[in-house]
Amino acid sequence: MADYFSQTVIQQPIPVADMTPLEHLVLEQMFQSDDSGDTVYFYHEDGPRNMIWLDRDHLAAALKASPQEGALGELVAASFLKASPNNCEIMIDLSAISSECILQDIVSRSGTLRYLTIVTSYTCSKMRADAFGGEIEDAALAAAPSTEEAHQGHP
């Protein structure tokens, strides 16, 4: 049986100051990350997670310190309110929004980032004609298959 993988990296590291506490908390659960103090590099060996569990107290603090507008704020606030007060962890189903939406919000507010690029490699544990490829996405642009010239320069 073949195993399919979709390794993903967000190119370039994101300044911590450009993310709200809620975005930072959620992205660190969606992706693996390397935090250098001022910036965070996000990646994942098998694509971003769509279902995450967050500690109630950490989530409450992040919600309080972050604006509630936008798809992420509304989705997480609704999940927080629906959860039982006895739950120590709160499940957040992120299948309704994508990591691209969160990253676009960060780029749109940022004074330092002009764009972020999401690079995904689709591979398989068996050599198959239909199991290799990739995709490159700019947080401000539509997806482009790896077979196209995706990096002609940025605006």
N, C-alpha and C. Protein backbone atom coordinates (compact mmCIF):
# COMPACT_ATOMS: atom_id res chain seq x y z
N MET A 1 0.83 -1.17 0.00
CA MET A 1 0.00 0.00 0.00
C MET A 1 0.88 1.24 0.00
N ALA A 2 0.52 2.21 -0.77
CA ALA A 2 1.30 3.43 -0.89
C ALA A 2 0.88 4.45 0.17
N ASP A 3 1.86 5.17 0.69
CA ASP A 3 1.60 6.28 1.62
C ASP A 3 1.87 7.58 0.87
N TYR A 4 0.95 8.52 0.99
CA TYR A 4 1.09 9.80 0.32
C TYR A 4 1.48 10.87 1.33
N PHE A 5 2.37 11.76 0.92
CA PHE A 5 2.88 12.81 1.80
C PHE A 5 2.76 14.17 1.10
N SER A 6 2.59 15.21 1.88
CA SER A 6 2.55 16.56 1.32
C SER A 6 3.35 17.49 2.24
N GLN A 7 4.68 17.40 2.13
CA GLN A 7 5.53 18.27 2.93
C GLN A 7 5.29 19.71 2.52
N THR A 8 5.17 20.57 3.53
CA THR A 8 4.84 21.97 3.29
C THR A 8 5.76 22.88 4.07
N VAL A 9 6.23 23.94 3.42
CA VAL A 9 7.00 24.98 4.11
C VAL A 9 6.41 26.34 3.77
N ILE A 10 6.46 27.23 4.74
CA ILE A 10 6.07 28.62 4.52
C ILE A 10 7.37 29.40 4.38
N GLN A 11 7.61 29.91 3.20
CA GLN A 11 8.84 30.66 2.98
C GLN A 11 8.53 32.12 3.12
N GLN A 12 8.93 32.70 3.87
CA GLN A 12 9.99 33.15 4.72
C GLN A 12 9.52 33.14 6.16
N PRO A 13 10.42 33.22 7.09
CA PRO A 13 9.98 33.27 8.50
C PRO A 13 9.08 34.49 8.72
N ILE A 14 8.09 34.35 9.58
CA ILE A 14 7.13 35.41 9.85
C ILE A 14 7.52 36.13 11.14
N PRO A 15 7.62 37.45 11.10
CA PRO A 15 7.92 38.19 12.33
C PRO A 15 6.80 37.98 13.36
N VAL A 16 7.19 37.70 14.59
CA VAL A 16 6.21 37.50 15.67
C VAL A 16 5.34 38.74 15.82
N ALA A 17 5.93 39.91 15.65
CA ALA A 17 5.19 41.17 15.79
C ALA A 17 4.09 41.33 14.75
N ASP A 18 4.17 40.61 13.63
CA ASP A 18 3.16 40.71 12.56
C ASP A 18 1.96 39.80 12.79
N MET A 19 2.06 38.89 13.75
CA MET A 19 0.96 37.96 14.03
C MET A 19 0.22 38.38 15.29
N THR A 20 -1.10 38.19 15.29
CA THR A 20 -1.84 38.36 16.54
C THR A 20 -1.52 37.16 17.43
N PRO A 21 -1.72 37.28 18.74
CA PRO A 21 -1.50 36.10 19.60
C PRO A 21 -2.34 34.89 19.17
N LEU A 22 -3.56 35.12 18.67
CA LEU A 22 -4.40 34.01 18.22
C LEU A 22 -3.81 33.35 16.98
N GLU A 23 -3.40 34.14 15.99
CA GLU A 23 -2.78 33.58 14.78
C GLU A 23 -1.54 32.77 15.14
N HIS A 24 -0.72 33.33 16.01
CA HIS A 24 0.52 32.64 16.43
C HIS A 24 0.19 31.30 17.08
N LEU A 25 -0.76 31.30 18.00
CA LEU A 25 -1.15 30.08 18.70
C LEU A 25 -1.69 29.03 17.73
N VAL A 26 -2.56 29.44 16.84
CA VAL A 26 -3.19 28.50 15.89
C VAL A 26 -2.16 27.98 14.88
N LEU A 27 -1.35 28.86 14.32
CA LEU A 27 -0.36 28.41 13.33
C LEU A 27 0.65 27.45 13.95
N GLU A 28 1.00 27.66 15.22
CA GLU A 28 1.93 26.74 15.87
C GLU A 28 1.32 25.36 16.08
N GLN A 29 0.01 25.26 16.07
CA GLN A 29 -0.64 23.95 16.16
C GLN A 29 -0.90 23.35 14.78
N MET A 30 -1.15 24.19 13.79
CA MET A 30 -1.38 23.70 12.43
C MET A 30 -0.09 23.17 11.80
N PHE A 31 1.02 23.80 12.14
CA PHE A 31 2.32 23.48 11.55
C PHE A 31 3.31 23.11 12.64
N GLN A 32 4.42 22.55 12.24
CA GLN A 32 5.58 22.48 13.11
C GLN A 32 6.26 23.83 12.97
N SER A 33 7.08 24.22 13.93
CA SER A 33 7.67 25.55 13.84
C SER A 33 9.03 25.61 14.51
N ASP A 34 9.83 26.54 14.03
CA ASP A 34 11.11 26.90 14.65
C ASP A 34 11.01 28.37 15.00
N ASP A 35 11.09 28.67 16.29
CA ASP A 35 10.96 30.04 16.79
C ASP A 35 12.34 30.58 17.12
N SER A 36 12.73 31.67 16.44
CA SER A 36 14.04 32.26 16.69
C SER A 36 13.95 33.45 17.64
N GLY A 37 12.78 33.69 18.19
CA GLY A 37 12.59 34.84 19.07
C GLY A 37 11.83 35.96 18.38
N ASP A 38 12.41 36.48 17.30
CA ASP A 38 11.77 37.57 16.55
C ASP A 38 10.92 37.06 15.39
N THR A 39 11.25 35.88 14.88
CA THR A 39 10.52 35.31 13.75
C THR A 39 10.20 33.84 14.02
N VAL A 40 9.22 33.33 13.28
CA VAL A 40 8.85 31.92 13.37
C VAL A 40 8.82 31.35 11.96
N TYR A 41 9.48 30.21 11.79
CA TYR A 41 9.50 29.48 10.53
C TYR A 41 8.52 28.32 10.66
N PHE A 42 7.51 28.27 9.77
CA PHE A 42 6.48 27.23 9.82
C PHE A 42 6.69 26.22 8.71
N TYR A 43 6.47 24.94 9.04
CA TYR A 43 6.61 23.85 8.08
C TYR A 43 5.82 22.66 8.63
N HIS A 44 5.60 21.67 7.79
CA HIS A 44 4.99 20.44 8.29
C HIS A 44 5.35 19.30 7.36
N GLU A 45 5.67 18.15 7.94
CA GLU A 45 6.09 17.00 7.15
C GLU A 45 4.94 16.35 6.41
N ASP A 46 3.71 16.65 6.80
CA ASP A 46 2.57 16.03 6.11
C ASP A 46 1.40 17.01 5.97
N GLY A 47 1.68 18.24 5.63
CA GLY A 47 0.64 19.24 5.41
C GLY A 47 0.09 19.81 6.70
N PRO A 48 -0.51 20.99 6.63
CA PRO A 48 -1.06 21.60 7.85
C PRO A 48 -2.23 20.80 8.42
N ARG A 49 -2.36 20.83 9.72
CA ARG A 49 -3.46 20.13 10.39
C ARG A 49 -4.74 20.95 10.27
N ASN A 50 -5.85 20.27 10.05
CA ASN A 50 -7.16 20.94 10.00
C ASN A 50 -7.91 20.84 11.31
N MET A 51 -7.49 19.94 12.17
CA MET A 51 -8.14 19.74 13.46
C MET A 51 -7.08 19.91 14.54
N ILE A 52 -7.29 20.90 15.42
CA ILE A 52 -6.31 21.13 16.47
C ILE A 52 -7.01 21.19 17.82
N TRP A 53 -6.26 20.95 18.88
CA TRP A 53 -6.75 21.04 20.25
C TRP A 53 -5.93 22.09 20.96
N LEU A 54 -6.60 23.06 21.60
CA LEU A 54 -5.90 24.14 22.29
C LEU A 54 -6.28 24.17 23.76
N ASP A 55 -5.29 24.43 24.59
CA ASP A 55 -5.52 24.59 26.03
C ASP A 55 -6.48 25.76 26.25
N ARG A 56 -7.50 25.54 27.07
CA ARG A 56 -8.54 26.55 27.30
C ARG A 56 -7.96 27.89 27.79
N ASP A 57 -7.03 27.84 28.75
CA ASP A 57 -6.48 29.08 29.31
C ASP A 57 -5.63 29.83 28.30
N HIS A 58 -4.81 29.09 27.53
CA HIS A 58 -4.00 29.74 26.49
C HIS A 58 -4.89 30.34 25.41
N LEU A 59 -5.94 29.61 25.04
CA LEU A 59 -6.86 30.11 24.02
C LEU A 59 -7.60 31.35 24.51
N ALA A 60 -8.05 31.33 25.75
CA ALA A 60 -8.76 32.49 26.31
C ALA A 60 -7.87 33.72 26.29
N ALA A 61 -6.60 33.56 26.67
CA ALA A 61 -5.66 34.68 26.68
C ALA A 61 -5.41 35.20 25.27
N ALA A 62 -5.26 34.29 24.30
CA ALA A 62 -5.02 34.69 22.91
C ALA A 62 -6.24 35.41 22.33
N LEU A 63 -7.44 34.92 22.63
CA LEU A 63 -8.66 35.58 22.15
C LEU A 63 -8.80 36.97 22.74
N LYS A 64 -8.49 37.10 24.01
CA LYS A 64 -8.60 38.41 24.68
C LYS A 64 -7.62 39.42 24.10
N ALA A 65 -6.43 38.95 23.69
CA ALA A 65 -5.39 39.84 23.19
C ALA A 65 -5.44 40.07 21.68
N SER A 66 -6.40 39.45 21.00
CA SER A 66 -6.46 39.53 19.54
C SER A 66 -7.79 40.10 19.09
N PRO A 67 -7.80 40.83 17.95
CA PRO A 67 -9.08 41.28 17.39
C PRO A 67 -9.91 40.08 16.93
N GLN A 68 -11.22 40.19 17.05
CA GLN A 68 -12.10 39.06 16.70
C GLN A 68 -12.58 39.07 15.26
N GLU A 69 -12.26 40.12 14.50
CA GLU A 69 -12.72 40.12 13.11
C GLU A 69 -11.90 39.15 12.28
N GLY A 70 -12.42 38.80 11.14
CA GLY A 70 -11.75 37.85 10.26
C GLY A 70 -12.25 36.44 10.50
N ALA A 71 -12.02 35.60 9.52
CA ALA A 71 -12.51 34.23 9.57
C ALA A 71 -11.95 33.45 10.76
N LEU A 72 -10.66 33.62 11.05
CA LEU A 72 -10.06 32.87 12.15
C LEU A 72 -10.64 33.29 13.49
N GLY A 73 -10.71 34.58 13.75
CA GLY A 73 -11.23 35.07 15.03
C GLY A 73 -12.66 34.63 15.27
N GLU A 74 -13.49 34.72 14.24
CA GLU A 74 -14.89 34.33 14.38
C GLU A 74 -15.03 32.82 14.61
N LEU A 75 -14.27 32.03 13.85
CA LEU A 75 -14.35 30.57 13.98
C LEU A 75 -13.89 30.10 15.36
N VAL A 76 -12.76 30.63 15.81
CA VAL A 76 -12.22 30.20 17.10
C VAL A 76 -13.10 30.69 18.25
N ALA A 77 -13.59 31.92 18.17
CA ALA A 77 -14.47 32.44 19.22
C ALA A 77 -15.75 31.59 19.32
N ALA A 78 -16.31 31.21 18.17
CA ALA A 78 -17.51 30.37 18.18
C ALA A 78 -17.22 29.00 18.79
N SER A 79 -16.08 28.42 18.46
CA SER A 79 -15.71 27.11 19.04
C SER A 79 -15.49 27.23 20.54
N PHE A 80 -14.90 28.33 20.97
CA PHE A 80 -14.66 28.57 22.40
C PHE A 80 -15.98 28.66 23.16
N LEU A 81 -16.93 29.40 22.59
CA LEU A 81 -18.23 29.58 23.26
C LEU A 81 -19.05 28.29 23.29
N LYS A 82 -18.91 27.43 22.26
CA LYS A 82 -19.65 26.17 22.20
C LYS A 82 -19.10 25.12 23.17
N ALA A 83 -17.82 25.23 23.51
CA ALA A 83 -17.18 24.20 24.33
C ALA A 83 -17.70 24.24 25.76
N SER A 84 -17.77 23.09 26.36
CA SER A 84 -18.17 22.98 27.76
C SER A 84 -17.15 23.69 28.65
N PRO A 85 -17.61 24.43 29.64
CA PRO A 85 -16.67 25.11 30.55
C PRO A 85 -15.77 24.14 31.32
N ASN A 86 -16.16 22.86 31.35
CA ASN A 86 -15.36 21.85 32.04
C ASN A 86 -14.21 21.31 31.20
N ASN A 87 -14.22 21.60 29.89
CA ASN A 87 -13.16 21.11 29.00
C ASN A 87 -11.86 21.87 29.24
N CYS A 88 -10.78 21.13 29.46
CA CYS A 88 -9.46 21.76 29.61
C CYS A 88 -8.88 22.11 28.24
N GLU A 89 -9.27 21.34 27.22
CA GLU A 89 -8.82 21.59 25.86
C GLU A 89 -10.04 21.80 24.97
N ILE A 90 -9.85 22.64 23.98
CA ILE A 90 -10.94 22.95 23.07
C ILE A 90 -10.54 22.54 21.66
N MET A 91 -11.42 21.77 21.01
CA MET A 91 -11.18 21.33 19.65
C MET A 91 -11.58 22.45 18.68
N ILE A 92 -10.69 22.74 17.75
CA ILE A 92 -10.97 23.74 16.72
C ILE A 92 -10.89 23.03 15.36
N ASP A 93 -12.00 23.04 14.63
CA ASP A 93 -12.05 22.45 13.30
C ASP A 93 -11.75 23.56 12.29
N LEU A 94 -10.56 23.52 11.70
CA LEU A 94 -10.12 24.56 10.78
C LEU A 94 -10.40 24.22 9.32
N SER A 95 -11.20 23.18 9.08
CA SER A 95 -11.48 22.80 7.70
C SER A 95 -12.31 23.85 6.96
N ALA A 96 -12.96 24.74 7.69
CA ALA A 96 -13.77 25.80 7.07
C ALA A 96 -12.91 26.94 6.52
N ILE A 97 -11.70 27.08 7.06
CA ILE A 97 -10.77 28.10 6.55
C ILE A 97 -9.44 27.41 6.27
N SER A 98 -8.59 28.05 5.53
CA SER A 98 -7.30 27.44 5.20
C SER A 98 -6.17 28.24 5.83
N SER A 99 -5.00 27.61 5.86
CA SER A 99 -3.83 28.32 6.36
C SER A 99 -3.54 29.52 5.47
N GLU A 100 -3.88 29.43 4.19
CA GLU A 100 -3.67 30.55 3.28
C GLU A 100 -4.45 31.78 3.72
N CYS A 101 -5.68 31.59 4.20
CA CYS A 101 -6.49 32.72 4.68
C CYS A 101 -5.83 33.40 5.87
N ILE A 102 -5.32 32.61 6.78
CA ILE A 102 -4.65 33.16 7.97
C ILE A 102 -3.40 33.92 7.54
N LEU A 103 -2.63 33.33 6.64
CA LEU A 103 -1.39 33.97 6.18
C LEU A 103 -1.68 35.24 5.38
N GLN A 104 -2.75 35.25 4.59
CA GLN A 104 -3.12 36.46 3.85
C GLN A 104 -3.47 37.59 4.80
N ASP A 105 -4.16 37.28 5.91
CA ASP A 105 -4.47 38.31 6.90
C ASP A 105 -3.19 38.90 7.49
N ILE A 106 -2.21 38.04 7.77
CA ILE A 106 -0.94 38.50 8.34
C ILE A 106 -0.23 39.42 7.35
N VAL A 107 -0.13 38.99 6.09
CA VAL A 107 0.56 39.79 5.08
C VAL A 107 -0.15 41.12 4.85
N SER A 108 -1.49 41.11 4.85
CA SER A 108 -2.23 42.35 4.58
C SER A 108 -2.01 43.40 5.66
N ARG A 109 -1.75 42.98 6.91
CA ARG A 109 -1.51 43.92 7.99
C ARG A 109 -0.04 44.29 8.16
N SER A 110 0.84 43.46 7.65
CA SER A 110 2.27 43.58 7.92
C SER A 110 2.88 44.81 7.27
N GLY A 111 3.77 45.42 8.02
CA GLY A 111 4.56 46.52 7.47
C GLY A 111 5.89 46.03 6.91
N THR A 112 6.20 44.75 7.12
CA THR A 112 7.50 44.20 6.69
C THR A 112 7.37 43.12 5.62
N LEU A 113 6.27 42.37 5.60
CA LEU A 113 6.09 41.29 4.63
C LEU A 113 5.33 41.78 3.42
N ARG A 114 5.88 41.55 2.23
CA ARG A 114 5.15 41.85 1.00
C ARG A 114 4.39 40.62 0.53
N TYR A 115 4.89 39.45 0.86
CA TYR A 115 4.25 38.20 0.47
C TYR A 115 4.82 37.07 1.32
N LEU A 116 4.14 35.95 1.34
CA LEU A 116 4.63 34.69 1.88
C LEU A 116 4.39 33.65 0.80
N THR A 117 5.26 32.69 0.69
CA THR A 117 5.11 31.64 -0.29
C THR A 117 4.94 30.31 0.43
N ILE A 118 3.92 29.57 0.03
CA ILE A 118 3.66 28.24 0.58
C ILE A 118 4.12 27.25 -0.48
N VAL A 119 5.07 26.40 -0.12
CA VAL A 119 5.58 25.40 -1.06
C VAL A 119 5.20 24.03 -0.52
N THR A 120 4.52 23.25 -1.34
CA THR A 120 4.10 21.90 -0.96
C THR A 120 4.62 20.91 -1.98
N SER A 121 5.23 19.84 -1.50
CA SER A 121 5.72 18.76 -2.34
C SER A 121 4.84 17.55 -2.11
N TYR A 122 4.25 17.02 -3.17
CA TYR A 122 3.41 15.83 -3.06
C TYR A 122 4.25 14.62 -3.47
N THR A 123 4.44 13.71 -2.53
CA THR A 123 5.24 12.52 -2.81
C THR A 123 4.51 11.27 -2.32
N CYS A 124 5.07 10.14 -2.70
CA CYS A 124 4.48 8.86 -2.38
C CYS A 124 5.58 7.88 -2.00
N SER A 125 5.27 6.93 -1.12
CA SER A 125 6.27 5.95 -0.69
C SER A 125 6.58 4.92 -1.77
N LYS A 126 5.78 4.87 -2.82
CA LYS A 126 6.04 3.99 -3.96
C LYS A 126 6.17 4.86 -5.20
N MET A 127 7.04 4.47 -6.09
CA MET A 127 7.19 5.21 -7.33
C MET A 127 5.96 4.97 -8.20
N ARG A 128 5.17 6.01 -8.38
CA ARG A 128 3.95 5.90 -9.17
C ARG A 128 3.86 7.11 -10.09
N ALA A 129 3.31 6.92 -11.24
CA ALA A 129 3.20 8.01 -12.21
C ALA A 129 2.29 9.13 -11.71
N ASP A 130 1.31 8.80 -10.87
CA ASP A 130 0.34 9.81 -10.41
C ASP A 130 0.63 10.30 -9.00
N ALA A 131 1.82 10.06 -8.46
CA ALA A 131 2.07 10.35 -7.06
C ALA A 131 3.27 11.24 -6.84
N PHE A 132 3.53 12.14 -7.76
CA PHE A 132 4.64 13.06 -7.58
C PHE A 132 4.21 14.42 -8.12
N GLY A 133 4.58 15.45 -7.45
CA GLY A 133 4.25 16.78 -7.92
C GLY A 133 4.46 17.79 -6.82
N GLY A 134 3.95 18.96 -7.04
CA GLY A 134 4.11 20.01 -6.05
C GLY A 134 3.23 21.18 -6.38
N GLU A 135 3.27 22.16 -5.50
CA GLU A 135 2.45 23.35 -5.67
C GLU A 135 3.13 24.49 -4.96
N ILE A 136 3.08 25.66 -5.56
CA ILE A 136 3.63 26.86 -4.94
C ILE A 136 2.51 27.87 -4.88
N GLU A 137 2.30 28.47 -3.70
CA GLU A 137 1.26 29.47 -3.55
C GLU A 137 1.84 30.70 -2.88
N ASP A 138 1.49 31.87 -3.40
CA ASP A 138 1.78 33.12 -2.71
C ASP A 138 0.57 33.42 -1.85
N ALA A 139 0.79 33.95 -0.66
CA ALA A 139 -0.33 34.25 0.23
C ALA A 139 -1.26 35.29 -0.36
N ALA A 140 -0.82 36.01 -1.37
CA ALA A 140 -1.66 37.02 -1.99
C ALA A 140 -2.13 36.60 -3.39
N LEU A 141 -1.68 35.43 -3.88
CA LEU A 141 -2.00 34.99 -5.24
C LEU A 141 -2.63 33.61 -5.24
N ALA A 142 -3.13 33.20 -6.37
CA ALA A 142 -3.73 31.87 -6.52
C ALA A 142 -2.63 30.81 -6.62
N ALA A 143 -3.00 29.57 -6.48
CA ALA A 143 -2.06 28.46 -6.55
C ALA A 143 -1.52 28.30 -7.96
N ALA A 144 -0.27 27.84 -8.05
CA ALA A 144 0.34 27.56 -9.34
C ALA A 144 1.02 26.20 -9.27
N PRO A 145 0.67 25.27 -10.16
CA PRO A 145 1.34 23.98 -10.14
C PRO A 145 2.84 24.13 -10.35
N SER A 146 3.61 23.21 -9.83
CA SER A 146 5.06 23.30 -9.93
C SER A 146 5.56 23.18 -11.35
N THR A 147 4.73 22.72 -12.26
CA THR A 147 5.14 22.60 -13.65
C THR A 147 5.12 23.95 -14.36
N GLU A 148 4.50 24.96 -13.75
CA GLU A 148 4.46 26.30 -14.33
C GLU A 148 5.59 27.15 -13.75
N GLU A 149 5.94 28.19 -14.43
CA GLU A 149 6.91 29.14 -13.92
C GLU A 149 6.21 30.00 -12.88
N ALA A 150 6.33 29.64 -11.61
CA ALA A 150 5.58 30.33 -10.57
C ALA A 150 6.30 31.55 -10.05
N HIS A 151 7.61 31.60 -10.21
CA HIS A 151 8.36 32.71 -9.63
C HIS A 151 8.93 33.62 -10.72
N GLN A 152 8.07 34.38 -11.33
CA GLN A 152 8.49 35.35 -12.32
C GLN A 152 8.82 36.69 -11.66
N GLY A 153 8.77 36.74 -10.34
CA GLY A 153 8.98 37.98 -9.60
C GLY A 153 7.68 38.36 -8.90
N HIS A 154 7.81 39.15 -7.89
CA HIS A 154 6.64 39.57 -7.11
C HIS A 154 6.39 41.04 -7.32
N PRO A 155 5.12 41.46 -7.21
CA PRO A 155 4.78 42.88 -7.40
C PRO A 155 5.43 43.75 -6.37
